[in-house]
C-alpha atoms as a PDB file:
ATOM      1  CA  MET A   1     140.357 174.315 156.336  1.00  0.00           C
ATOM      2  CA  LEU A   2     141.825 177.625 157.521  1.00  0.00           C
ATOM      3  CA  THR A   3     144.396 177.565 154.733  1.00  0.00           C
ATOM      4  CA  ARG A   4     141.669 176.956 152.182  1.00  0.00           C
ATOM      5  CA  ARG A   5     139.651 179.893 153.528  1.00  0.00           C
ATOM      6  CA  LEU A   6     142.659 182.181 153.476  1.00  0.00           C
ATOM      7  CA  PHE A   7     143.394 181.138 149.898  1.00  0.00           C
ATOM      8  CA  ALA A   8     139.774 181.801 148.841  1.00  0.00           C
ATOM      9  CA  ALA A   9     139.847 185.209 150.519  1.00  0.00           C
ATOM     10  CA  ALA A  10     143.094 186.048 148.751  1.00  0.00           C
ATOM     11  CA  VAL A  11     141.608 185.063 145.383  1.00  0.00           C
ATOM     12  CA  VAL A  12     138.522 187.209 145.994  1.00  0.00           C
ATOM     13  CA  ALA A  13     140.695 190.149 147.037  1.00  0.00           C
ATOM     14  CA  ALA A  14     142.869 189.758 143.950  1.00  0.00           C
ATOM     15  CA  LEU A  15     139.854 189.568 141.654  1.00  0.00           C
ATOM     16  CA  THR A  16     138.308 192.611 143.313  1.00  0.00           C
ATOM     17  CA  THR A  17     141.518 194.591 142.941  1.00  0.00           C
ATOM     18  CA  THR A  18     141.786 193.587 139.305  1.00  0.00           C
ATOM     19  CA  ALA A  19     138.180 194.612 138.649  1.00  0.00           C
ATOM     20  CA  VAL A  20     138.727 197.972 140.369  1.00  0.00           C
ATOM     21  CA  HIS A  21     141.857 198.615 138.317  1.00  0.00           C
ATOM     22  CA  ALA A  22     140.032 197.659 135.114  1.00  0.00           C
ATOM     23  CA  GLN A  23     137.160 199.988 135.983  1.00  0.00           C
ATOM     24  CA  GLN A  24     139.576 202.809 136.725  1.00  0.00           C
ATOM     25  CA  ALA A  25     141.282 202.222 133.374  1.00  0.00           C
ATOM     26  CA  ASP A  26     137.906 202.287 131.584  1.00  0.00           C
ATOM     27  CA  ASP A  27     136.945 205.499 133.369  1.00  0.00           C
ATOM     28  CA  ALA A  28     140.237 207.166 132.477  1.00  0.00           C
ATOM     29  CA  ALA A  29     139.892 206.080 128.840  1.00  0.00           C
ATOM     30  CA  ALA A  30     136.342 207.490 128.717  1.00  0.00           C
ATOM     31  CA  VAL A  31     137.520 210.869 130.014  1.00  0.00           C
ATOM     32  CA  THR A  32     140.352 210.889 127.463  1.00  0.00           C
ATOM     33  CA  ALA A  33     137.917 210.063 124.656  1.00  0.00           C
ATOM     34  CA  LEU A  34     135.508 212.810 125.723  1.00  0.00           C
ATOM     35  CA  LYS A  35     138.366 215.322 125.784  1.00  0.00           C
ATOM     36  CA  SER A  36     139.210 214.510 122.160  1.00  0.00           C
ATOM     37  CA  ALA A  37     136.543 216.454 120.239  1.00  0.00           C
ATOM     38  CA  PRO A  38     133.908 219.231 120.499  1.00  0.00           C
ATOM     39  CA  PHE A  39     130.384 218.507 121.733  1.00  0.00           C
ATOM     40  CA  ARG A  40     127.021 219.068 120.048  1.00  0.00           C
ATOM     41  CA  VAL A  41     124.051 219.226 122.401  1.00  0.00           C
ATOM     42  CA  VAL A  42     120.919 219.049 120.265  1.00  0.00           C
ATOM     43  CA  ALA A  43     117.743 220.725 121.517  1.00  0.00           C
ATOM     44  CA  PRO A  44     114.903 219.689 119.153  1.00  0.00           C
ATOM     45  CA  PHE A  45     112.776 222.723 120.011  1.00  0.00           C
ATOM     46  CA  PRO A  46     113.165 226.517 119.608  1.00  0.00           C
ATOM     47  CA  PRO A  47     115.299 228.638 121.962  1.00  0.00           C
ATOM     48  CA  GLY A  48     113.794 230.002 125.144  1.00  0.00           C
ATOM     49  CA  GLY A  49     112.014 227.007 126.690  1.00  0.00           C
ATOM     50  CA  PRO A  50     113.190 224.601 129.415  1.00  0.00           C
ATOM     51  CA  ILE A  51     114.825 222.282 126.848  1.00  0.00           C
ATOM     52  CA  ASP A  52     117.003 225.143 125.625  1.00  0.00           C
ATOM     53  CA  VAL A  53     117.847 226.263 129.178  1.00  0.00           C
ATOM     54  CA  LEU A  54     118.844 222.762 130.269  1.00  0.00           C
ATOM     55  CA  ALA A  55     120.829 222.065 127.099  1.00  0.00           C
ATOM     56  CA  ARG A  56     122.863 225.252 127.655  1.00  0.00           C
ATOM     57  CA  ILE A  57     123.517 224.418 131.301  1.00  0.00           C
ATOM     58  CA  PHE A  58     124.785 220.972 130.360  1.00  0.00           C
ATOM     59  CA  ALA A  59     126.823 222.230 127.380  1.00  0.00           C
ATOM     60  CA  THR A  60     128.556 224.803 129.564  1.00  0.00           C
ATOM     61  CA  GLY A  61     129.362 222.114 132.118  1.00  0.00           C
ATOM     62  CA  LEU A  62     130.867 219.839 129.462  1.00  0.00           C
ATOM     63  CA  GLN A  63     132.936 222.674 128.051  1.00  0.00           C
ATOM     64  CA  ASN A  64     134.284 223.583 131.483  1.00  0.00           C
ATOM     65  CA  LYS A  65     135.187 219.984 132.317  1.00  0.00           C
ATOM     66  CA  TYR A  66     136.670 218.736 129.071  1.00  0.00           C
ATOM     67  CA  GLY A  67     138.158 221.910 127.602  1.00  0.00           C
ATOM     68  CA  GLN A  68     136.317 221.404 124.312  1.00  0.00           C
ATOM     69  CA  SER A  69     133.704 223.678 122.780  1.00  0.00           C
ATOM     70  CA  ALA A  70     130.144 222.540 123.428  1.00  0.00           C
ATOM     71  CA  VAL A  71     127.560 224.053 121.109  1.00  0.00           C
ATOM     72  CA  VAL A  72     123.798 223.910 121.611  1.00  0.00           C
ATOM     73  CA  GLU A  73     122.049 223.293 118.302  1.00  0.00           C
ATOM     74  CA  ASN A  74     118.350 224.179 118.292  1.00  0.00           C
ATOM     75  CA  LYS A  75     116.759 221.974 115.629  1.00  0.00           C
ATOM     76  CA  PRO A  76     112.978 222.516 115.875  1.00  0.00           C
ATOM     77  CA  GLY A  77     110.438 220.975 113.548  1.00  0.00           C
ATOM     78  CA  ALA A  78     108.193 217.944 113.119  1.00  0.00           C
ATOM     79  CA  ALA A  79     107.324 217.922 116.837  1.00  0.00           C
ATOM     80  CA  GLY A  80     110.985 217.431 117.727  1.00  0.00           C
ATOM     81  CA  ASN A  81     111.643 214.659 115.218  1.00  0.00           C
ATOM     82  CA  ILE A  82     114.164 216.632 113.155  1.00  0.00           C
ATOM     83  CA  GLY A  83     116.552 217.136 116.060  1.00  0.00           C
ATOM     84  CA  ILE A  84     115.976 213.633 117.394  1.00  0.00           C
ATOM     85  CA  ASP A  85     116.850 212.151 114.004  1.00  0.00           C
ATOM     86  CA  ILE A  86     120.148 214.076 113.931  1.00  0.00           C
ATOM     87  CA  VAL A  87     121.260 212.415 117.159  1.00  0.00           C
ATOM     88  CA  LYS A  88     119.935 209.028 116.082  1.00  0.00           C
ATOM     89  CA  ARG A  89     122.264 209.140 113.048  1.00  0.00           C
ATOM     90  CA  ALA A  90     125.289 210.550 114.886  1.00  0.00           C
ATOM     91  CA  ALA A  91     128.385 208.596 115.854  1.00  0.00           C
ATOM     92  CA  GLY A  92     128.143 206.923 119.254  1.00  0.00           C
ATOM     93  CA  ASP A  93     131.231 208.595 120.689  1.00  0.00           C
ATOM     94  CA  GLY A  94     129.607 210.748 123.377  1.00  0.00           C
ATOM     95  CA  HIS A  95     130.066 214.000 121.477  1.00  0.00           C
ATOM     96  CA  THR A  96     126.552 214.344 120.039  1.00  0.00           C
ATOM     97  CA  LEU A  97     123.850 214.371 122.692  1.00  0.00           C
ATOM     98  CA  LEU A  98     120.114 215.011 122.854  1.00  0.00           C
ATOM     99  CA  VAL A  99     118.116 216.914 125.470  1.00  0.00           C
ATOM    100  CA  VAL A 100     114.443 216.084 125.040  1.00  0.00           C
ATOM    101  CA  PRO A 101     111.155 216.159 126.982  1.00  0.00           C
ATOM    102  CA  ALA A 102     109.347 213.058 128.197  1.00  0.00           C
ATOM    103  CA  GLY A 103     106.577 213.027 125.612  1.00  0.00           C
ATOM    104  CA  ASN A 104     108.872 212.402 122.662  1.00  0.00           C
ATOM    105  CA  MET A 105     110.213 209.257 124.300  1.00  0.00           C
ATOM    106  CA  THR A 106     107.213 207.855 126.215  1.00  0.00           C
ATOM    107  CA  ILE A 107     104.052 209.058 124.432  1.00  0.00           C
ATOM    108  CA  ASN A 108     104.919 209.416 120.761  1.00  0.00           C
ATOM    109  CA  PRO A 109     106.015 205.767 120.317  1.00  0.00           C
ATOM    110  CA  THR A 110     102.374 204.748 120.875  1.00  0.00           C
ATOM    111  CA  LEU A 111     100.565 207.841 119.635  1.00  0.00           C
ATOM    112  CA  LEU A 112     102.374 208.319 116.316  1.00  0.00           C
ATOM    113  CA  LYS A 113     102.295 205.438 113.866  1.00  0.00           C
ATOM    114  CA  ASP A 114     105.112 206.584 111.554  1.00  0.00           C
ATOM    115  CA  LEU A 115     107.655 207.643 114.152  1.00  0.00           C
ATOM    116  CA  PRO A 116     111.108 207.786 112.506  1.00  0.00           C
ATOM    117  CA  TYR A 117     112.918 206.378 115.524  1.00  0.00           C
ATOM    118  CA  ASN A 118     112.689 203.596 118.079  1.00  0.00           C
ATOM    119  CA  VAL A 119     113.568 204.717 121.589  1.00  0.00           C
ATOM    120  CA  GLU A 120     115.105 201.430 122.755  1.00  0.00           C
ATOM    121  CA  ALA A 121     116.779 200.527 119.461  1.00  0.00           C
ATOM    122  CA  ASP A 122     118.170 203.950 118.567  1.00  0.00           C
ATOM    123  CA  PHE A 123     119.029 205.680 121.847  1.00  0.00           C
ATOM    124  CA  LEU A 124     120.887 205.154 125.083  1.00  0.00           C
ATOM    125  CA  PRO A 125     119.199 206.978 127.995  1.00  0.00           C
ATOM    126  CA  ILE A 126     121.974 208.658 129.978  1.00  0.00           C
ATOM    127  CA  GLY A 127     119.973 210.369 132.677  1.00  0.00           C
ATOM    128  CA  MET A 128     116.921 212.365 133.613  1.00  0.00           C
ATOM    129  CA  ILE A 129     118.290 215.891 133.879  1.00  0.00           C
ATOM    130  CA  ALA A 130     115.459 217.673 135.642  1.00  0.00           C
ATOM    131  CA  LYS A 131     111.764 217.421 136.289  1.00  0.00           C
ATOM    132  CA  ALA A 132     108.804 219.551 137.248  1.00  0.00           C
ATOM    133  CA  PRO A 133     105.540 218.420 138.816  1.00  0.00           C
ATOM    134  CA  ASN A 134     102.349 218.947 136.899  1.00  0.00           C
ATOM    135  CA  VAL A 135      99.658 220.913 138.679  1.00  0.00           C
ATOM    136  CA  ILE A 136      95.869 220.820 138.498  1.00  0.00           C
ATOM    137  CA  ALA A 137      94.586 224.359 138.778  1.00  0.00           C
ATOM    138  CA  VAL A 138      91.287 226.157 138.264  1.00  0.00           C
ATOM    139  CA  ASN A 139      90.082 229.651 137.556  1.00  0.00           C
ATOM    140  CA  PRO A 140      89.246 231.206 140.973  1.00  0.00           C
ATOM    141  CA  SER A 141      85.659 231.765 139.832  1.00  0.00           C
ATOM    142  CA  VAL A 142      85.089 227.992 139.933  1.00  0.00           C
ATOM    143  CA  PRO A 143      83.568 227.224 143.366  1.00  0.00           C
ATOM    144  CA  VAL A 144      86.020 224.477 144.324  1.00  0.00           C
ATOM    145  CA  LYS A 145      88.916 224.482 146.766  1.00  0.00           C
ATOM    146  CA  SER A 146      90.032 220.865 146.631  1.00  0.00           C
ATOM    147  CA  ILE A 147      90.225 217.881 144.308  1.00  0.00           C
ATOM    148  CA  ALA A 148      87.206 216.354 146.039  1.00  0.00           C
ATOM    149  CA  ASP A 149      85.289 219.577 145.372  1.00  0.00           C
ATOM    150  CA  LEU A 150      86.309 219.502 141.699  1.00  0.00           C
ATOM    151  CA  VAL A 151      85.173 215.912 141.221  1.00  0.00           C
ATOM    152  CA  SER A 152      81.837 216.574 142.936  1.00  0.00           C
ATOM    153  CA  TYR A 153      81.290 219.843 141.080  1.00  0.00           C
ATOM    154  CA  SER A 154      82.034 218.261 137.696  1.00  0.00           C
ATOM    155  CA  LYS A 155      79.560 215.449 138.344  1.00  0.00           C
ATOM    156  CA  ALA A 156      76.878 217.901 139.458  1.00  0.00           C
ATOM    157  CA  ASN A 157      77.455 220.067 136.387  1.00  0.00           C
ATOM    158  CA  LYS A 158      77.858 217.449 133.651  1.00  0.00           C
ATOM    159  CA  GLY A 159      79.113 218.716 130.344  1.00  0.00           C
ATOM    160  CA  THR A 160      79.954 222.211 131.574  1.00  0.00           C
ATOM    161  CA  VAL A 161      83.404 221.750 133.135  1.00  0.00           C
ATOM    162  CA  SER A 162      86.347 221.588 130.734  1.00  0.00           C
ATOM    163  CA  TYR A 163      90.128 221.454 130.886  1.00  0.00           C
ATOM    164  CA  GLY A 164      92.674 222.687 128.377  1.00  0.00           C
ATOM    165  CA  SER A 165      95.850 221.057 127.106  1.00  0.00           C
ATOM    166  CA  PRO A 166      98.505 221.949 124.520  1.00  0.00           C
ATOM    167  CA  GLY A 167      97.056 219.424 122.086  1.00  0.00           C
ATOM    168  CA  VAL A 168      95.662 215.937 121.549  1.00  0.00           C
ATOM    169  CA  GLY A 169      98.142 213.341 122.714  1.00  0.00           C
ATOM    170  CA  SER A 170     100.284 215.783 124.668  1.00  0.00           C
ATOM    171  CA  GLY A 171     101.505 214.692 128.080  1.00  0.00           C
ATOM    172  CA  LEU A 172      99.152 217.159 129.743  1.00  0.00           C
ATOM    173  CA  HIS A 173      96.167 215.855 127.754  1.00  0.00           C
ATOM    174  CA  LEU A 174      96.996 212.315 128.858  1.00  0.00           C
ATOM    175  CA  ALA A 175      97.489 213.463 132.451  1.00  0.00           C
ATOM    176  CA  GLY A 176      93.951 214.851 132.338  1.00  0.00           C
ATOM    177  CA  GLU A 177      92.567 211.616 130.916  1.00  0.00           C
ATOM    178  CA  LEU A 178      94.397 209.571 133.537  1.00  0.00           C
ATOM    179  CA  PHE A 179      92.943 211.827 136.237  1.00  0.00           C
ATOM    180  CA  LYS A 180      89.421 211.414 134.828  1.00  0.00           C
ATOM    181  CA  GLN A 181      89.878 207.649 134.731  1.00  0.00           C
ATOM    182  CA  ALA A 182      91.096 207.486 138.328  1.00  0.00           C
ATOM    183  CA  SER A 183      88.676 210.002 139.863  1.00  0.00           C
ATOM    184  CA  GLY A 184      85.501 209.683 137.809  1.00  0.00           C
ATOM    185  CA  ALA A 185      85.496 213.439 137.215  1.00  0.00           C
ATOM    186  CA  ASP A 186      83.250 214.652 134.395  1.00  0.00           C
ATOM    187  CA  ILE A 187      85.463 217.168 132.625  1.00  0.00           C
ATOM    188  CA  LEU A 188      85.720 217.738 128.894  1.00  0.00           C
ATOM    189  CA  HIS A 189      89.019 218.016 127.054  1.00  0.00           C
ATOM    190  CA  VAL A 190      89.618 221.143 124.968  1.00  0.00           C
ATOM    191  CA  PRO A 191      92.805 220.876 122.879  1.00  0.00           C
ATOM    192  CA  TYR A 192      94.815 223.971 121.976  1.00  0.00           C
ATOM    193  CA  LYS A 193      97.879 224.546 119.810  1.00  0.00           C
ATOM    194  CA  GLY A 194     100.041 225.148 122.849  1.00  0.00           C
ATOM    195  CA  THR A 195     100.028 225.614 126.605  1.00  0.00           C
ATOM    196  CA  THR A 196      99.992 229.410 126.281  1.00  0.00           C
ATOM    197  CA  GLN A 197      96.639 229.424 124.502  1.00  0.00           C
ATOM    198  CA  ALA A 198      95.120 227.001 127.027  1.00  0.00           C
ATOM    199  CA  LEU A 199      96.468 229.069 129.898  1.00  0.00           C
ATOM    200  CA  ASN A 200      95.061 232.296 128.461  1.00  0.00           C
ATOM    201  CA  ASP A 201      91.599 230.763 128.220  1.00  0.00           C
ATOM    202  CA  VAL A 202      91.580 229.397 131.755  1.00  0.00           C
ATOM    203  CA  LEU A 203      92.766 232.785 133.026  1.00  0.00           C
ATOM    204  CA  GLY A 204      89.973 234.393 131.010  1.00  0.00           C
ATOM    205  CA  GLY A 205      87.341 231.964 132.267  1.00  0.00           C
ATOM    206  CA  GLN A 206      86.546 230.360 128.904  1.00  0.00           C
ATOM    207  CA  ILE A 207      87.592 227.006 130.391  1.00  0.00           C
ATOM    208  CA  GLN A 208      87.672 226.089 134.046  1.00  0.00           C
ATOM    209  CA  VAL A 209      90.584 223.688 134.602  1.00  0.00           C
ATOM    210  CA  ILE A 210      94.143 223.282 133.383  1.00  0.00           C
ATOM    211  CA  PHE A 211      96.790 220.586 133.748  1.00  0.00           C
ATOM    212  CA  ALA A 212     100.229 222.163 133.255  1.00  0.00           C
ATOM    213  CA  ASN A 213     103.713 222.023 134.693  1.00  0.00           C
ATOM    214  CA  LEU A 214     104.543 224.123 137.717  1.00  0.00           C
ATOM    215  CA  PRO A 215     107.024 226.464 135.955  1.00  0.00           C
ATOM    216  CA  THR A 216     104.222 227.615 133.657  1.00  0.00           C
ATOM    217  CA  LEU A 217     101.567 228.078 136.334  1.00  0.00           C
ATOM    218  CA  MET A 218     103.509 229.253 139.376  1.00  0.00           C
ATOM    219  CA  PRO A 219     103.436 233.026 138.624  1.00  0.00           C
ATOM    220  CA  HIS A 220      99.654 232.920 138.149  1.00  0.00           C
ATOM    221  CA  ILE A 221      99.138 230.815 141.264  1.00  0.00           C
ATOM    222  CA  LYS A 222     101.205 233.252 143.316  1.00  0.00           C
ATOM    223  CA  SER A 223      99.303 236.234 141.916  1.00  0.00           C
ATOM    224  CA  GLY A 224      95.942 234.627 142.735  1.00  0.00           C
ATOM    225  CA  LYS A 225      94.847 234.384 139.087  1.00  0.00           C
ATOM    226  CA  LEU A 226      94.744 230.593 139.413  1.00  0.00           C
ATOM    227  CA  ARG A 227      93.871 228.315 142.312  1.00  0.00           C
ATOM    228  CA  ALA A 228      96.125 225.252 142.553  1.00  0.00           C
ATOM    229  CA  LEU A 229      94.435 222.085 143.838  1.00  0.00           C
ATOM    230  CA  ALA A 230      97.138 219.398 143.735  1.00  0.00           C
ATOM    231  CA  VAL A 231     100.397 218.257 142.191  1.00  0.00           C
ATOM    232  CA  THR A 232     100.501 215.058 140.150  1.00  0.00           C
ATOM    233  CA  ASP A 233     103.811 213.854 141.598  1.00  0.00           C
ATOM    234  CA  ALA A 234     104.493 211.136 144.164  1.00  0.00           C
ATOM    235  CA  THR A 235     105.716 213.729 146.669  1.00  0.00           C
ATOM    236  CA  ARG A 236     104.969 217.349 147.426  1.00  0.00           C
ATOM    237  CA  THR A 237     107.096 219.957 145.708  1.00  0.00           C
ATOM    238  CA  PRO A 238     109.410 221.995 147.947  1.00  0.00           C
ATOM    239  CA  LEU A 239     108.483 225.003 145.824  1.00  0.00           C
ATOM    240  CA  MET A 240     104.852 224.811 147.053  1.00  0.00           C
ATOM    241  CA  PRO A 241     105.024 222.598 150.153  1.00  0.00           C
ATOM    242  CA  ASP A 242     101.400 223.249 151.207  1.00  0.00           C
ATOM    243  CA  LEU A 243     100.002 221.858 147.949  1.00  0.00           C
ATOM    244  CA  PRO A 244      98.913 218.212 148.386  1.00  0.00           C
ATOM    245  CA  THR A 245      99.693 215.401 145.985  1.00  0.00           C
ATOM    246  CA  LEU A 246      96.814 213.703 144.207  1.00  0.00           C
ATOM    247  CA  GLY A 247      97.601 210.582 146.215  1.00  0.00           C
ATOM    248  CA  GLU A 248      97.054 212.508 149.423  1.00  0.00           C
ATOM    249  CA  THR A 249      93.629 213.573 148.155  1.00  0.00           C
ATOM    250  CA  GLY A 250      92.660 209.935 147.628  1.00  0.00           C
ATOM    251  CA  ILE A 251      93.244 209.764 143.851  1.00  0.00           C
ATOM    252  CA  LYS A 252      95.711 206.920 143.314  1.00  0.00           C
ATOM    253  CA  GLY A 253      97.740 205.963 140.257  1.00  0.00           C
ATOM    254  CA  VAL A 254      98.175 209.444 138.774  1.00  0.00           C
ATOM    255  CA  GLU A 255     101.851 210.261 139.218  1.00  0.00           C
ATOM    256  CA  VAL A 256     102.847 212.356 136.234  1.00  0.00           C
ATOM    257  CA  THR A 257     105.802 214.722 136.010  1.00  0.00           C
ATOM    258  CA  SER A 258     107.183 216.793 133.174  1.00  0.00           C
ATOM    259  CA  TRP A 259     110.761 215.600 132.817  1.00  0.00           C
ATOM    260  CA  TYR A 260     113.693 216.305 130.544  1.00  0.00           C
ATOM    261  CA  GLY A 261     116.331 213.732 129.723  1.00  0.00           C
ATOM    262  CA  LEU A 262     119.764 213.340 128.157  1.00  0.00           C
ATOM    263  CA  PHE A 263     120.171 210.704 125.448  1.00  0.00           C
ATOM    264  CA  ALA A 264     123.067 209.485 123.312  1.00  0.00           C
ATOM    265  CA  PRO A 265     123.135 207.346 120.152  1.00  0.00           C
ATOM    266  CA  LYS A 266     122.662 203.656 120.927  1.00  0.00           C
ATOM    267  CA  ALA A 267     126.219 202.714 119.898  1.00  0.00           C
ATOM    268  CA  THR A 268     127.772 204.813 122.679  1.00  0.00           C
ATOM    269  CA  PRO A 269     130.209 202.597 124.672  1.00  0.00           C
ATOM    270  CA  PRO A 270     129.162 201.781 128.254  1.00  0.00           C
ATOM    271  CA  ALA A 271     132.195 203.477 129.807  1.00  0.00           C
ATOM    272  CA  ILE A 272     131.473 206.754 128.006  1.00  0.00           C
ATOM    273  CA  ALA A 273     127.773 206.519 128.913  1.00  0.00           C
ATOM    274  CA  ALA A 274     128.689 205.964 132.557  1.00  0.00           C
ATOM    275  CA  GLN A 275     131.022 208.971 132.523  1.00  0.00           C
ATOM    276  CA  LEU A 276     128.330 211.169 130.969  1.00  0.00           C
ATOM    277  CA  ALA A 277     125.887 210.002 133.637  1.00  0.00           C
ATOM    278  CA  ARG A 278     128.371 211.087 136.301  1.00  0.00           C
ATOM    279  CA  ASP A 279     128.717 214.409 134.489  1.00  0.00           C
ATOM    280  CA  VAL A 280     124.933 214.907 134.605  1.00  0.00           C
ATOM    281  CA  THR A 281     124.968 214.468 138.383  1.00  0.00           C
ATOM    282  CA  ALA A 282     127.922 216.801 138.895  1.00  0.00           C
ATOM    283  CA  ILE A 283     126.775 219.558 136.515  1.00  0.00           C
ATOM    284  CA  MET A 284     123.132 219.584 137.589  1.00  0.00           C
ATOM    285  CA  ASN A 285     124.023 219.750 141.286  1.00  0.00           C
ATOM    286  CA  GLU A 286     126.338 222.742 141.023  1.00  0.00           C
ATOM    287  CA  PRO A 287     125.068 225.608 143.220  1.00  0.00           C
ATOM    288  CA  ALA A 288     124.628 227.996 140.276  1.00  0.00           C
ATOM    289  CA  THR A 289     122.684 225.344 138.366  1.00  0.00           C
ATOM    290  CA  LEU A 290     120.425 224.652 141.332  1.00  0.00           C
ATOM    291  CA  ASP A 291     119.664 228.374 141.596  1.00  0.00           C
ATOM    292  CA  THR A 292     118.727 228.456 137.906  1.00  0.00           C
ATOM    293  CA  LEU A 293     116.531 225.380 138.248  1.00  0.00           C
ATOM    294  CA  THR A 294     114.739 226.813 141.280  1.00  0.00           C
ATOM    295  CA  ALA A 295     114.001 229.975 139.321  1.00  0.00           C
ATOM    296  CA  GLN A 296     112.510 227.769 136.605  1.00  0.00           C
ATOM    297  CA  ALA A 297     110.516 225.702 139.196  1.00  0.00           C
ATOM    298  CA  LEU A 298     112.563 222.626 138.229  1.00  0.00           C
ATOM    299  CA  THR A 299     114.309 220.068 140.417  1.00  0.00           C
ATOM    300  CA  VAL A 300     117.187 217.670 139.737  1.00  0.00           C
ATOM    301  CA  SER A 301     116.314 214.008 139.240  1.00  0.00           C
ATOM    302  CA  PRO A 302     118.579 211.185 140.479  1.00  0.00           C
ATOM    303  CA  LEU A 303     117.629 208.734 137.701  1.00  0.00           C
ATOM    304  CA  ARG A 304     120.587 207.609 135.588  1.00  0.00           C
ATOM    305  CA  LEU A 305     121.280 204.848 133.031  1.00  0.00           C
ATOM    306  CA  ASN A 306     119.451 201.614 133.961  1.00  0.00           C
ATOM    307  CA  ASP A 307     117.092 203.309 136.435  1.00  0.00           C
ATOM    308  CA  PHE A 308     116.253 205.955 133.854  1.00  0.00           C
ATOM    309  CA  SER A 309     115.713 203.304 131.161  1.00  0.00           C
ATOM    310  CA  GLN A 310     113.352 201.401 133.450  1.00  0.00           C
ATOM    311  CA  ALA A 311     111.394 204.572 134.272  1.00  0.00           C
ATOM    312  CA  ILE A 312     110.967 205.213 130.536  1.00  0.00           C
ATOM    313  CA  ARG A 313     109.651 201.678 129.962  1.00  0.00           C
ATOM    314  CA  VAL A 314     107.145 201.969 132.820  1.00  0.00           C
ATOM    315  CA  GLU A 315     105.915 205.400 131.708  1.00  0.00           C
ATOM    316  CA  THR A 316     105.641 204.284 128.087  1.00  0.00           C
ATOM    317  CA  ALA A 317     103.462 201.341 129.139  1.00  0.00           C
ATOM    318  CA  THR A 318     101.272 203.646 131.260  1.00  0.00           C
ATOM    319  CA  TRP A 319     100.656 206.051 128.396  1.00  0.00           C
ATOM    320  CA  ALA A 320     100.102 203.253 125.895  1.00  0.00           C
ATOM    321  CA  LYS A 321      97.310 201.941 128.127  1.00  0.00           C
ATOM    322  CA  VAL A 322      95.687 205.383 128.446  1.00  0.00           C
ATOM    323  CA  ILE A 323      95.962 206.069 124.702  1.00  0.00           C
ATOM    324  CA  LYS A 324      94.353 202.752 123.785  1.00  0.00           C
ATOM    325  CA  GLU A 325      91.653 202.763 126.471  1.00  0.00           C
ATOM    326  CA  ARG A 326      90.632 206.370 125.738  1.00  0.00           C
ATOM    327  CA  ASN A 327      90.935 205.820 121.956  1.00  0.00           C
ATOM    328  CA  ILE A 328      93.197 208.840 121.539  1.00  0.00           C
ATOM    329  CA  THR A 329      94.549 209.496 118.058  1.00  0.00           C
ATOM    330  CA  ALA A 330      96.979 212.147 116.888  1.00  0.00           C
ATOM    331  CA  GLU A 331      95.572 215.062 114.949  1.00  0.00           C
END
C-alpha cells in the first residue's frame, strides 16, 4: 500500500512538473511573439478623454517592456464603431489592441440593432483597465441632502424634478433609469448630446439632478457647485470616503461604474492573452500610473480574462433588462 502511494505521489509530482515546464515554455513563447512587432493601441474616440489617457499609459508600458514602438491610434466616429471594427478585423497576434468604455460592449449590443460586431464572437476581453464610480449629484439649490430626501422630494413634486444624461441609451441614462426603478423616485430624463451640456444645465439650475462619473463631477463637488448624494458602486470611493454608496442608503441593486477595458481580436492565442493580462496588472499598478489615475479620479480594477468576461456578461444582461423594461430605443 505504501509503495502504491509513493508511486502515485511520484506520478502527480512528475505531471505537475511537466505542466509547470509547459506553462513556462508557453509564457516565454508569448513574450517572444510580443517582442516581434510594433503595437497599435486603438482608441475609438477623440484625444483628450479617459480612453485616450489610458490607451497612452498602456502603449507606453508595452513599448518599455517589449522594445517595440506602440502607437495610439485615435479612430473616432460612429459612436466608437469605426475604431472597434479596425480591431475586430486585425490579426489575433496581440499587436492590435482596443481600449474602450463599458457602454460599447455592454449596452450597445442590446440598444443598437445593426451593431457591426458581436462582443463574444469577435473579441477577447483581456482586462478591465480602470474604473470610476458614478455619482448622483444635485444643484445645491435643491432642498435635499440625502438619497432619501431626493426620493421624497421627487414624489412630492411630481413632474418637476429632472436629471440629465449624455444621451438616450448612454450608460448614465440607464443608471438613472435603474435608480428610478429601484427607488421609486419620480424624476424625468432629459437627454443631451454629451455630458458637458448636461453638466452645464445642472450647474445653471435648468435641471436638478445628474448621474455622471466622478472624474467629471469631482471639481464641482469640491467647489460646492454640486452636492453629491451617493456613489453607485458596491463600495465607497477612497477619493471621497465620506460619500455613501446607494446600497448604504437602502437602494439595492444599483451598482454601476464607468469602466474602461482592453480587448484583443478573438483569434488571439490564450498564452498571448494571458501575458497581456499580466501586462495590464503590471503597467496599471506602476506608481506613476497610479498617480495619473488618482488625478483623473480613476482606480485600477483587478478583473482579468475569465473574470472580466463574466462581468461583461452580467452587466450586459442587466442593461438588456433595463432597456426592454423601460422601452428605451436609440435616437
